Amino acid sequence: MAKQITDKPSFEDFLNCFPPVELPFTLGEDTHMLFSKENDPIPGAVVAEYILPLEGEEEMDEVTEYIACFALPTAKNYHAVVYWKAGLLNYEYKLFTFDTKGYLIAEKVIAGTTYDGMELTQTMAVIQENLLIYLVSGQSQLVKEEYTAATSTANRLQITEDGKIVEL
């Protein structure tokens, strides 16, 4: 029997929005376009029930968009998903881990683009098979129209066996 639209979406409904991805995988500036074409839109009821609370929001606004990207390979103790959030001058790939009952364990912005009026920051991420995540960020001041390599940063994260996201 098909589920009624009026039913509250389950955690499994939320997880089903995120297809598995083959690792290694790179998240870059335009990767969200691939997900937008390949993945179904996240149903409004799922956004309202699961994503808005993660974002600390009570209702959708007209300038924010969410695109389901992928689920990382299933672990025994947790689920890990990535979605893209587009807001005003802020585009983020966000990684969330949940325990098997659906409770949030950890969250982290792992890639994206932000602009604060003076400086543009772009971050790319590479997720390896062992769940090591390499982040590289670069900043440029658009007023000067130049990029300075000295302002770039590199970080490493890892998802632990219990779903925590730790900086290495």
C-alpha atoms as a PDB file:
ATOM      1  CA  MET A   1       0.000   0.000   0.000  1.00  0.00           C
ATOM      2  CA  ALA A   2       1.403   3.409  -0.978  1.00  0.00           C
ATOM      3  CA  LYS A   3       2.208   5.910   1.728  1.00  0.00           C
ATOM      4  CA  GLN A   4      -0.189   8.830   1.954  1.00  0.00           C
ATOM      5  CA  ILE A   5       1.210  12.297   1.261  1.00  0.00           C
ATOM      6  CA  THR A   6      -0.163  13.466   4.610  1.00  0.00           C
ATOM      7  CA  ASP A   7       2.028  10.950   6.470  1.00  0.00           C
ATOM      8  CA  LYS A   8       5.028  12.289   8.319  1.00  0.00           C
ATOM      9  CA  PRO A   9       8.166  11.189   6.435  1.00  0.00           C
ATOM     10  CA  SER A  10      10.316   8.630   8.208  1.00  0.00           C
ATOM     11  CA  PHE A  11      14.062   8.796   8.728  1.00  0.00           C
ATOM     12  CA  GLU A  12      14.293   6.095   6.065  1.00  0.00           C
ATOM     13  CA  ASP A  13      12.386   8.392   3.655  1.00  0.00           C
ATOM     14  CA  PHE A  14      15.019  11.051   4.385  1.00  0.00           C
ATOM     15  CA  LEU A  15      17.913   8.634   3.794  1.00  0.00           C
ATOM     16  CA  ASN A  16      16.333   7.397   0.555  1.00  0.00           C
ATOM     17  CA  CYS A  17      16.760  10.890  -0.926  1.00  0.00           C
ATOM     18  CA  PHE A  18      20.533  10.325  -0.955  1.00  0.00           C
ATOM     19  CA  PRO A  19      21.818   7.737  -3.443  1.00  0.00           C
ATOM     20  CA  PRO A  20      25.074   5.962  -2.591  1.00  0.00           C
ATOM     21  CA  VAL A  21      28.264   7.330  -4.123  1.00  0.00           C
ATOM     22  CA  GLU A  22      31.364   5.500  -5.254  1.00  0.00           C
ATOM     23  CA  LEU A  23      34.501   6.770  -3.542  1.00  0.00           C
ATOM     24  CA  PRO A  24      36.814   8.575  -4.055  1.00  0.00           C
ATOM     25  CA  PHE A  25      34.648  11.561  -4.910  1.00  0.00           C
ATOM     26  CA  THR A  26      35.456  15.244  -5.424  1.00  0.00           C
ATOM     27  CA  LEU A  27      33.110  18.094  -4.538  1.00  0.00           C
ATOM     28  CA  GLY A  28      33.900  21.193  -6.552  1.00  0.00           C
ATOM     29  CA  GLU A  29      32.327  24.495  -7.440  1.00  0.00           C
ATOM     30  CA  ASP A  30      29.777  23.098  -9.911  1.00  0.00           C
ATOM     31  CA  THR A  31      29.297  19.515  -8.707  1.00  0.00           C
ATOM     32  CA  HIS A  32      25.811  20.369  -7.429  1.00  0.00           C
ATOM     33  CA  MET A  33      24.638  20.654 -11.054  1.00  0.00           C
ATOM     34  CA  LEU A  34      25.315  16.947 -11.548  1.00  0.00           C
ATOM     35  CA  PHE A  35      23.254  16.106  -8.461  1.00  0.00           C
ATOM     36  CA  SER A  36      20.485  18.456  -9.545  1.00  0.00           C
ATOM     37  CA  LYS A  37      20.193  16.581 -12.853  1.00  0.00           C
ATOM     38  CA  GLU A  38      20.689  13.038 -11.542  1.00  0.00           C
ATOM     39  CA  ASN A  39      18.822  13.046  -8.204  1.00  0.00           C
ATOM     40  CA  ASP A  40      15.154  13.576  -7.499  1.00  0.00           C
ATOM     41  CA  PRO A  41      14.275  16.790  -5.671  1.00  0.00           C
ATOM     42  CA  ILE A  42      13.971  16.430  -1.911  1.00  0.00           C
ATOM     43  CA  PRO A  43      10.225  16.341  -1.109  1.00  0.00           C
ATOM     44  CA  GLY A  44       8.998  19.395   0.790  1.00  0.00           C
ATOM     45  CA  ALA A  45       7.781  17.242   3.690  1.00  0.00           C
ATOM     46  CA  VAL A  46      11.286  15.746   4.064  1.00  0.00           C
ATOM     47  CA  VAL A  47      12.884  19.199   3.968  1.00  0.00           C
ATOM     48  CA  ALA A  48      10.445  20.417   6.628  1.00  0.00           C
ATOM     49  CA  GLU A  49      10.850  17.367   8.876  1.00  0.00           C
ATOM     50  CA  TYR A  50      14.605  16.752   8.642  1.00  0.00           C
ATOM     51  CA  ILE A  51      16.608  19.470   6.877  1.00  0.00           C
ATOM     52  CA  LEU A  52      15.087  22.634   8.331  1.00  0.00           C
ATOM     53  CA  PRO A  53      15.684  21.440  11.921  1.00  0.00           C
ATOM     54  CA  LEU A  54      19.316  20.646  10.991  1.00  0.00           C
ATOM     55  CA  GLU A  55      19.618  24.207   9.709  1.00  0.00           C
ATOM     56  CA  GLY A  56      17.951  25.726  12.782  1.00  0.00           C
ATOM     57  CA  GLU A  57      15.097  26.975  10.602  1.00  0.00           C
ATOM     58  CA  GLU A  58      11.382  26.658  11.142  1.00  0.00           C
ATOM     59  CA  GLU A  59      10.201  27.269   7.587  1.00  0.00           C
ATOM     60  CA  MET A  60      11.523  27.498   4.051  1.00  0.00           C
ATOM     61  CA  ASP A  61      12.421  30.877   2.638  1.00  0.00           C
ATOM     62  CA  GLU A  62      12.293  31.856  -1.007  1.00  0.00           C
ATOM     63  CA  VAL A  63      16.067  32.216  -1.483  1.00  0.00           C
ATOM     64  CA  THR A  64      17.345  28.925  -0.039  1.00  0.00           C
ATOM     65  CA  GLU A  65      17.556  25.706  -2.037  1.00  0.00           C
ATOM     66  CA  TYR A  66      18.564  22.196  -0.938  1.00  0.00           C
ATOM     67  CA  ILE A  67      19.799  19.458  -3.267  1.00  0.00           C
ATOM     68  CA  ALA A  68      20.385  15.885  -2.111  1.00  0.00           C
ATOM     69  CA  CYS A  69      23.893  14.875  -3.141  1.00  0.00           C
ATOM     70  CA  PHE A  70      24.777  11.408  -1.848  1.00  0.00           C
ATOM     71  CA  ALA A  71      25.108   8.951   0.991  1.00  0.00           C
ATOM     72  CA  LEU A  72      28.527   7.691   1.954  1.00  0.00           C
ATOM     73  CA  PRO A  73      29.002   3.915   2.086  1.00  0.00           C
ATOM     74  CA  THR A  74      26.882   2.460   4.854  1.00  0.00           C
ATOM     75  CA  ALA A  75      28.586   1.942   8.168  1.00  0.00           C
ATOM     76  CA  LYS A  76      27.378  -0.354  10.934  1.00  0.00           C
ATOM     77  CA  ASN A  77      26.973   2.396  13.547  1.00  0.00           C
ATOM     78  CA  TYR A  78      25.881   5.442  11.556  1.00  0.00           C
ATOM     79  CA  HIS A  79      24.562   6.949   8.319  1.00  0.00           C
ATOM     80  CA  ALA A  80      26.358   9.795   6.518  1.00  0.00           C
ATOM     81  CA  VAL A  81      24.751  12.054   3.904  1.00  0.00           C
ATOM     82  CA  VAL A  82      25.777  15.180   2.010  1.00  0.00           C
ATOM     83  CA  TYR A  83      23.470  17.849   0.685  1.00  0.00           C
ATOM     84  CA  TRP A  84      24.048  21.165  -1.047  1.00  0.00           C
ATOM     85  CA  LYS A  85      22.541  24.297   0.458  1.00  0.00           C
ATOM     86  CA  ALA A  86      22.304  27.410  -1.682  1.00  0.00           C
ATOM     87  CA  GLY A  87      21.559  30.657   0.076  1.00  0.00           C
ATOM     88  CA  LEU A  88      22.256  34.287  -0.611  1.00  0.00           C
ATOM     89  CA  LEU A  89      26.023  34.579  -1.398  1.00  0.00           C
ATOM     90  CA  ASN A  90      26.611  31.251   0.358  1.00  0.00           C
ATOM     91  CA  TYR A  91      26.744  27.792  -1.247  1.00  0.00           C
ATOM     92  CA  GLU A  92      27.669  24.869   0.991  1.00  0.00           C
ATOM     93  CA  TYR A  93      28.111  21.129   0.764  1.00  0.00           C
ATOM     94  CA  LYS A  94      27.152  19.888   4.213  1.00  0.00           C
ATOM     95  CA  LEU A  95      28.043  16.493   5.667  1.00  0.00           C
ATOM     96  CA  PHE A  96      25.835  15.040   8.399  1.00  0.00           C
ATOM     97  CA  THR A  97      26.192  11.818  10.338  1.00  0.00           C
ATOM     98  CA  PHE A  98      23.335  10.171  12.218  1.00  0.00           C
ATOM     99  CA  ASP A  99      23.123   7.156  14.484  1.00  0.00           C
ATOM    100  CA  THR A 100      20.987   4.220  13.373  1.00  0.00           C
ATOM    101  CA  LYS A 101      17.918   5.698  15.095  1.00  0.00           C
ATOM    102  CA  GLY A 102      18.238   9.008  13.233  1.00  0.00           C
ATOM    103  CA  TYR A 103      19.833  11.173  15.923  1.00  0.00           C
ATOM    104  CA  LEU A 104      22.436  13.668  14.744  1.00  0.00           C
ATOM    105  CA  ILE A 105      26.025  12.757  15.620  1.00  0.00           C
ATOM    106  CA  ALA A 106      28.015  15.392  13.727  1.00  0.00           C
ATOM    107  CA  GLU A 107      27.834  17.981  10.977  1.00  0.00           C
ATOM    108  CA  LYS A 108      30.403  19.860   8.958  1.00  0.00           C
ATOM    109  CA  VAL A 109      30.523  22.139   5.924  1.00  0.00           C
ATOM    110  CA  ILE A 110      33.026  20.367   3.694  1.00  0.00           C
ATOM    111  CA  ALA A 111      32.976  22.448   0.497  1.00  0.00           C
ATOM    112  CA  GLY A 112      31.355  25.461  -1.071  1.00  0.00           C
ATOM    113  CA  THR A 113      31.620  29.140  -1.912  1.00  0.00           C
ATOM    114  CA  THR A 114      31.017  32.156   0.314  1.00  0.00           C
ATOM    115  CA  TYR A 115      31.260  35.863  -0.336  1.00  0.00           C
ATOM    116  CA  ASP A 116      31.267  38.464   2.451  1.00  0.00           C
ATOM    117  CA  GLY A 117      31.314  41.596   0.292  1.00  0.00           C
ATOM    118  CA  MET A 118      35.106  41.786   0.194  1.00  0.00           C
ATOM    119  CA  GLU A 119      36.484  38.258   0.000  1.00  0.00           C
ATOM    120  CA  LEU A 120      35.439  35.207  -1.992  1.00  0.00           C
ATOM    121  CA  THR A 121      36.259  31.864  -0.357  1.00  0.00           C
ATOM    122  CA  GLN A 122      36.023  28.626  -2.305  1.00  0.00           C
ATOM    123  CA  THR A 123      36.543  25.200  -0.764  1.00  0.00           C
ATOM    124  CA  MET A 124      36.838  21.869  -2.556  1.00  0.00           C
ATOM    125  CA  ALA A 125      36.712  18.459  -0.901  1.00  0.00           C
ATOM    126  CA  VAL A 126      37.950  15.024  -1.866  1.00  0.00           C
ATOM    127  CA  ILE A 127      36.442  12.100   0.037  1.00  0.00           C
ATOM    128  CA  GLN A 128      38.631   8.997  -0.042  1.00  0.00           C
ATOM    129  CA  GLU A 129      37.588   5.335   0.310  1.00  0.00           C
ATOM    130  CA  ASN A 130      38.799   5.278   3.938  1.00  0.00           C
ATOM    131  CA  LEU A 131      36.517   8.281   4.689  1.00  0.00           C
ATOM    132  CA  LEU A 132      39.411  10.705   4.907  1.00  0.00           C
ATOM    133  CA  ILE A 133      38.239  14.067   3.617  1.00  0.00           C
ATOM    134  CA  TYR A 134      40.767  16.504   2.184  1.00  0.00           C
ATOM    135  CA  LEU A 135      39.642  20.137   2.091  1.00  0.00           C
ATOM    136  CA  VAL A 136      41.410  22.897   0.177  1.00  0.00           C
ATOM    137  CA  SER A 137      40.228  26.501   0.514  1.00  0.00           C
ATOM    138  CA  GLY A 138      41.312  29.542  -1.407  1.00  0.00           C
ATOM    139  CA  GLN A 139      40.442  33.170  -0.902  1.00  0.00           C
ATOM    140  CA  SER A 140      40.530  36.068  -3.285  1.00  0.00           C
ATOM    141  CA  GLN A 141      39.624  39.687  -2.861  1.00  0.00           C
ATOM    142  CA  LEU A 142      37.376  40.595  -5.733  1.00  0.00           C
ATOM    143  CA  VAL A 143      38.029  44.302  -5.210  1.00  0.00           C
ATOM    144  CA  LYS A 144      41.654  43.705  -6.219  1.00  0.00           C
ATOM    145  CA  GLU A 145      40.723  40.934  -8.666  1.00  0.00           C
ATOM    146  CA  GLU A 146      43.628  38.827  -7.542  1.00  0.00           C
ATOM    147  CA  TYR A 147      44.208  35.474  -5.930  1.00  0.00           C
ATOM    148  CA  THR A 148      46.948  35.063  -3.356  1.00  0.00           C
ATOM    149  CA  ALA A 149      48.147  31.485  -2.853  1.00  0.00           C
ATOM    150  CA  ALA A 150      49.410  32.333   0.636  1.00  0.00           C
ATOM    151  CA  THR A 151      45.814  32.672   1.818  1.00  0.00           C
ATOM    152  CA  SER A 152      44.970  29.083   0.827  1.00  0.00           C
ATOM    153  CA  THR A 153      44.465  26.458   3.490  1.00  0.00           C
ATOM    154  CA  ALA A 154      44.364  22.669   3.524  1.00  0.00           C
ATOM    155  CA  ASN A 155      42.697  20.493   6.141  1.00  0.00           C
ATOM    156  CA  ARG A 156      42.031  16.812   6.700  1.00  0.00           C
ATOM    157  CA  LEU A 157      38.968  15.349   8.337  1.00  0.00           C
ATOM    158  CA  GLN A 158      37.967  11.785   9.018  1.00  0.00           C
ATOM    159  CA  ILE A 159      34.703  10.135   9.884  1.00  0.00           C
ATOM    160  CA  THR A 160      35.346   7.790  12.817  1.00  0.00           C
ATOM    161  CA  GLU A 161      33.780   4.375  13.324  1.00  0.00           C
ATOM    162  CA  ASP A 162      31.145   5.956  15.582  1.00  0.00           C
ATOM    163  CA  GLY A 163      30.229   8.684  13.067  1.00  0.00           C
ATOM    164  CA  LYS A 164      32.134  11.610  14.561  1.00  0.00           C
ATOM    165  CA  ILE A 165      33.862  14.015  12.169  1.00  0.00           C
ATOM    166  CA  VAL A 166      37.340  14.782  13.476  1.00  0.00           C
ATOM    167  CA  GLU A 167      40.059  17.099  12.225  1.00  0.00           C
ATOM    168  CA  LEU A 168      43.439  15.413  11.734  1.00  0.00           C
END
